[in-house]
Amino acid sequence: MPMLNPTHPGESIREALKAAEWTVTDAARRLGVTRNTLSRLVNGRIGVSPEMALALERVGWSNAEFWMRRQAAYDLARVRSARDSAA
């Protein structure tokens, strides 16, 4: 059964940053992305791309497939919600 309202994957990444005691700047450097890109992700403005999923895997935050499934579940739930609201 699908989750009705999954959280944006960026929220989990934000929690992981706190647990690791990394700033967004530190994490961006370790992930090989810009600070702006990571900030937009943890604030829910962009989704997890395949490249970001691989970067997260590289630093040991689960595997790329996990992050892609999380993003797909979030995206699908938003489309379902919009469709149901329009009906």
N, C-alpha and C. Protein backbone atom coordinates (compact mmCIF):
# COMPACT_ATOMS: atom_id res chain seq x y z
N MET A 1 0.84 -1.18 0.00
CA MET A 1 0.00 0.00 0.00
C MET A 1 0.89 1.24 0.00
N PRO A 2 0.63 2.19 -0.89
CA PRO A 2 1.47 3.38 -0.98
C PRO A 2 1.23 4.32 0.20
N MET A 3 2.29 5.04 0.56
CA MET A 3 2.15 6.06 1.59
C MET A 3 1.31 7.19 1.03
N LEU A 4 0.39 7.71 1.81
CA LEU A 4 -0.47 8.77 1.34
C LEU A 4 0.24 10.11 1.26
N ASN A 5 1.13 10.36 2.19
CA ASN A 5 1.80 11.65 2.23
C ASN A 5 3.26 11.48 2.66
N PRO A 6 4.10 10.89 1.81
CA PRO A 6 5.50 10.71 2.21
C PRO A 6 6.21 12.05 2.31
N THR A 7 7.19 12.11 3.18
CA THR A 7 7.97 13.35 3.31
C THR A 7 8.95 13.46 2.15
N HIS A 8 9.34 14.68 1.88
CA HIS A 8 10.34 14.94 0.84
C HIS A 8 11.65 14.31 1.30
N PRO A 9 12.38 13.65 0.39
CA PRO A 9 13.66 13.03 0.79
C PRO A 9 14.65 14.01 1.41
N GLY A 10 14.53 15.27 1.07
CA GLY A 10 15.42 16.28 1.64
C GLY A 10 15.33 16.36 3.15
N GLU A 11 14.15 16.05 3.71
CA GLU A 11 14.01 16.06 5.17
C GLU A 11 14.90 15.00 5.81
N SER A 12 14.97 13.82 5.20
CA SER A 12 15.84 12.76 5.72
C SER A 12 17.30 13.15 5.60
N ILE A 13 17.63 13.82 4.52
CA ILE A 13 19.01 14.26 4.33
C ILE A 13 19.36 15.32 5.37
N ARG A 14 18.44 16.23 5.65
CA ARG A 14 18.66 17.24 6.68
C ARG A 14 18.91 16.57 8.03
N GLU A 15 18.13 15.54 8.35
CA GLU A 15 18.33 14.81 9.61
C GLU A 15 19.69 14.12 9.63
N ALA A 16 20.09 13.57 8.50
CA ALA A 16 21.40 12.91 8.42
C ALA A 16 22.52 13.93 8.62
N LEU A 17 22.34 15.13 8.09
CA LEU A 17 23.35 16.19 8.30
C LEU A 17 23.49 16.50 9.78
N LYS A 18 22.36 16.62 10.46
CA LYS A 18 22.40 16.91 11.90
C LYS A 18 23.09 15.78 12.66
N ALA A 19 22.75 14.53 12.33
CA ALA A 19 23.34 13.38 13.01
C ALA A 19 24.85 13.32 12.79
N ALA A 20 25.28 13.67 11.58
CA ALA A 20 26.71 13.65 11.27
C ALA A 20 27.42 14.90 11.75
N GLU A 21 26.63 15.87 12.23
CA GLU A 21 27.17 17.17 12.65
C GLU A 21 27.91 17.87 11.52
N TRP A 22 27.31 17.80 10.32
CA TRP A 22 27.85 18.46 9.14
C TRP A 22 26.98 19.67 8.83
N THR A 23 27.62 20.75 8.43
CA THR A 23 26.86 21.88 7.90
C THR A 23 26.51 21.55 6.45
N VAL A 24 25.63 22.33 5.88
CA VAL A 24 25.29 22.16 4.47
C VAL A 24 26.55 22.34 3.62
N THR A 25 27.37 23.30 3.99
CA THR A 25 28.62 23.54 3.25
C THR A 25 29.54 22.34 3.33
N ASP A 26 29.72 21.77 4.53
CA ASP A 26 30.57 20.58 4.69
C ASP A 26 30.04 19.42 3.85
N ALA A 27 28.75 19.17 3.96
CA ALA A 27 28.15 18.05 3.25
C ALA A 27 28.24 18.24 1.74
N ALA A 28 28.00 19.46 1.27
CA ALA A 28 28.08 19.72 -0.17
C ALA A 28 29.47 19.40 -0.69
N ARG A 29 30.48 19.80 0.07
CA ARG A 29 31.86 19.51 -0.34
C ARG A 29 32.10 18.01 -0.40
N ARG A 30 31.64 17.29 0.62
CA ARG A 30 31.83 15.84 0.66
C ARG A 30 31.07 15.13 -0.46
N LEU A 31 29.89 15.68 -0.80
CA LEU A 31 29.07 15.08 -1.85
C LEU A 31 29.50 15.48 -3.25
N GLY A 32 30.32 16.53 -3.34
CA GLY A 32 30.77 17.00 -4.65
C GLY A 32 29.71 17.79 -5.39
N VAL A 33 28.88 18.52 -4.62
CA VAL A 33 27.85 19.37 -5.22
C VAL A 33 27.99 20.78 -4.66
N THR A 34 27.29 21.72 -5.26
CA THR A 34 27.36 23.08 -4.73
C THR A 34 26.52 23.18 -3.47
N ARG A 35 26.85 24.16 -2.65
CA ARG A 35 26.09 24.40 -1.44
C ARG A 35 24.65 24.75 -1.80
N ASN A 36 24.48 25.53 -2.85
CA ASN A 36 23.14 25.93 -3.29
C ASN A 36 22.30 24.70 -3.66
N THR A 37 22.88 23.77 -4.38
CA THR A 37 22.15 22.56 -4.77
C THR A 37 21.70 21.77 -3.55
N LEU A 38 22.60 21.57 -2.61
CA LEU A 38 22.24 20.81 -1.42
C LEU A 38 21.22 21.56 -0.57
N SER A 39 21.37 22.85 -0.46
CA SER A 39 20.41 23.66 0.29
C SER A 39 19.01 23.53 -0.33
N ARG A 40 18.93 23.62 -1.64
CA ARG A 40 17.64 23.49 -2.32
C ARG A 40 17.04 22.11 -2.09
N LEU A 41 17.86 21.08 -2.04
CA LEU A 41 17.37 19.72 -1.80
C LEU A 41 16.85 19.57 -0.38
N VAL A 42 17.62 19.97 0.61
CA VAL A 42 17.18 19.78 2.00
C VAL A 42 15.99 20.66 2.35
N ASN A 43 15.75 21.70 1.56
CA ASN A 43 14.59 22.56 1.78
C ASN A 43 13.41 22.19 0.88
N GLY A 44 13.52 21.07 0.17
CA GLY A 44 12.40 20.56 -0.61
C GLY A 44 12.12 21.30 -1.90
N ARG A 45 13.07 22.07 -2.38
CA ARG A 45 12.84 22.83 -3.60
C ARG A 45 13.21 22.04 -4.86
N ILE A 46 14.07 21.05 -4.71
CA ILE A 46 14.41 20.15 -5.81
C ILE A 46 14.38 18.74 -5.28
N GLY A 47 14.34 17.79 -6.20
CA GLY A 47 14.32 16.39 -5.82
C GLY A 47 15.70 15.75 -5.90
N VAL A 48 15.75 14.50 -5.50
CA VAL A 48 16.99 13.72 -5.56
C VAL A 48 17.16 13.25 -7.00
N SER A 49 18.23 13.68 -7.63
CA SER A 49 18.56 13.24 -8.99
C SER A 49 19.35 11.94 -8.90
N PRO A 50 19.49 11.22 -10.01
CA PRO A 50 20.33 10.02 -9.98
C PRO A 50 21.77 10.33 -9.55
N GLU A 51 22.29 11.48 -9.98
CA GLU A 51 23.66 11.85 -9.58
C GLU A 51 23.75 12.09 -8.08
N MET A 52 22.74 12.76 -7.54
CA MET A 52 22.74 13.00 -6.09
C MET A 52 22.58 11.69 -5.33
N ALA A 53 21.74 10.79 -5.85
CA ALA A 53 21.56 9.49 -5.21
C ALA A 53 22.89 8.75 -5.13
N LEU A 54 23.67 8.81 -6.19
CA LEU A 54 24.99 8.16 -6.18
C LEU A 54 25.95 8.85 -5.21
N ALA A 55 25.87 10.17 -5.12
CA ALA A 55 26.73 10.90 -4.18
C ALA A 55 26.37 10.54 -2.74
N LEU A 56 25.07 10.44 -2.45
CA LEU A 56 24.64 10.04 -1.11
C LEU A 56 25.10 8.62 -0.79
N GLU A 57 25.03 7.75 -1.77
CA GLU A 57 25.52 6.38 -1.59
C GLU A 57 27.02 6.38 -1.30
N ARG A 58 27.76 7.22 -2.01
CA ARG A 58 29.21 7.28 -1.86
C ARG A 58 29.62 7.68 -0.43
N VAL A 59 28.83 8.55 0.23
CA VAL A 59 29.18 8.93 1.60
C VAL A 59 28.58 7.99 2.63
N GLY A 60 27.90 6.94 2.18
CA GLY A 60 27.41 5.92 3.09
C GLY A 60 25.99 6.12 3.59
N TRP A 61 25.24 7.01 2.96
CA TRP A 61 23.86 7.24 3.36
C TRP A 61 22.94 6.39 2.51
N SER A 62 22.88 5.11 2.83
CA SER A 62 22.08 4.11 2.14
C SER A 62 22.61 3.90 0.72
N ASN A 63 21.75 3.39 -0.15
CA ASN A 63 22.19 3.17 -1.53
C ASN A 63 21.37 4.03 -2.48
N ALA A 64 21.86 4.15 -3.70
CA ALA A 64 21.21 5.03 -4.68
C ALA A 64 19.78 4.60 -4.96
N GLU A 65 19.53 3.32 -4.99
CA GLU A 65 18.18 2.83 -5.26
C GLU A 65 17.19 3.28 -4.18
N PHE A 66 17.64 3.28 -2.94
CA PHE A 66 16.80 3.75 -1.84
C PHE A 66 16.37 5.18 -2.08
N TRP A 67 17.32 6.05 -2.42
CA TRP A 67 17.01 7.46 -2.63
C TRP A 67 16.12 7.67 -3.84
N MET A 68 16.32 6.89 -4.88
CA MET A 68 15.47 7.03 -6.06
C MET A 68 14.05 6.55 -5.77
N ARG A 69 13.91 5.49 -4.98
CA ARG A 69 12.57 5.02 -4.59
C ARG A 69 11.87 6.06 -3.72
N ARG A 70 12.61 6.65 -2.80
CA ARG A 70 12.02 7.70 -1.94
C ARG A 70 11.52 8.86 -2.79
N GLN A 71 12.33 9.30 -3.75
CA GLN A 71 11.93 10.42 -4.59
C GLN A 71 10.72 10.05 -5.44
N ALA A 72 10.73 8.85 -6.01
CA ALA A 72 9.60 8.42 -6.84
C ALA A 72 8.32 8.33 -6.02
N ALA A 73 8.40 7.83 -4.80
CA ALA A 73 7.21 7.73 -3.94
C ALA A 73 6.68 9.12 -3.62
N TYR A 74 7.56 10.06 -3.35
CA TYR A 74 7.16 11.43 -3.05
C TYR A 74 6.48 12.06 -4.28
N ASP A 75 7.12 11.93 -5.43
CA ASP A 75 6.57 12.52 -6.66
C ASP A 75 5.21 11.92 -7.00
N LEU A 76 5.09 10.61 -6.90
CA LEU A 76 3.83 9.95 -7.22
C LEU A 76 2.72 10.38 -6.27
N ALA A 77 3.03 10.50 -4.99
CA ALA A 77 2.03 10.92 -4.02
C ALA A 77 1.55 12.34 -4.32
N ARG A 78 2.45 13.23 -4.73
CA ARG A 78 2.05 14.59 -5.07
C ARG A 78 1.14 14.62 -6.29
N VAL A 79 1.46 13.81 -7.30
CA VAL A 79 0.62 13.77 -8.51
C VAL A 79 -0.75 13.19 -8.16
N ARG A 80 -0.78 12.14 -7.35
CA ARG A 80 -2.06 11.56 -6.94
C ARG A 80 -2.91 12.57 -6.18
N SER A 81 -2.27 13.29 -5.29
CA SER A 81 -2.98 14.28 -4.50
C SER A 81 -3.55 15.38 -5.39
N ALA A 82 -2.78 15.85 -6.36
CA ALA A 82 -3.25 16.89 -7.28
C ALA A 82 -4.41 16.36 -8.13
N ARG A 83 -4.30 15.12 -8.58
CA ARG A 83 -5.34 14.53 -9.39
C ARG A 83 -6.63 14.39 -8.57
N ASP A 84 -6.50 13.92 -7.33
CA ASP A 84 -7.66 13.74 -6.48
C ASP A 84 -8.32 15.07 -6.12
N SER A 85 -7.50 16.11 -5.98
CA SER A 85 -8.04 17.43 -5.67
C SER A 85 -8.81 18.02 -6.86
N ALA A 86 -8.38 17.67 -8.07
CA ALA A 86 -9.01 18.21 -9.28
C ALA A 86 -10.32 17.47 -9.59
N ALA A 87 -10.47 16.27 -9.06
CA ALA A 87 -11.66 15.47 -9.39
C ALA A 87 -12.89 15.91 -8.68
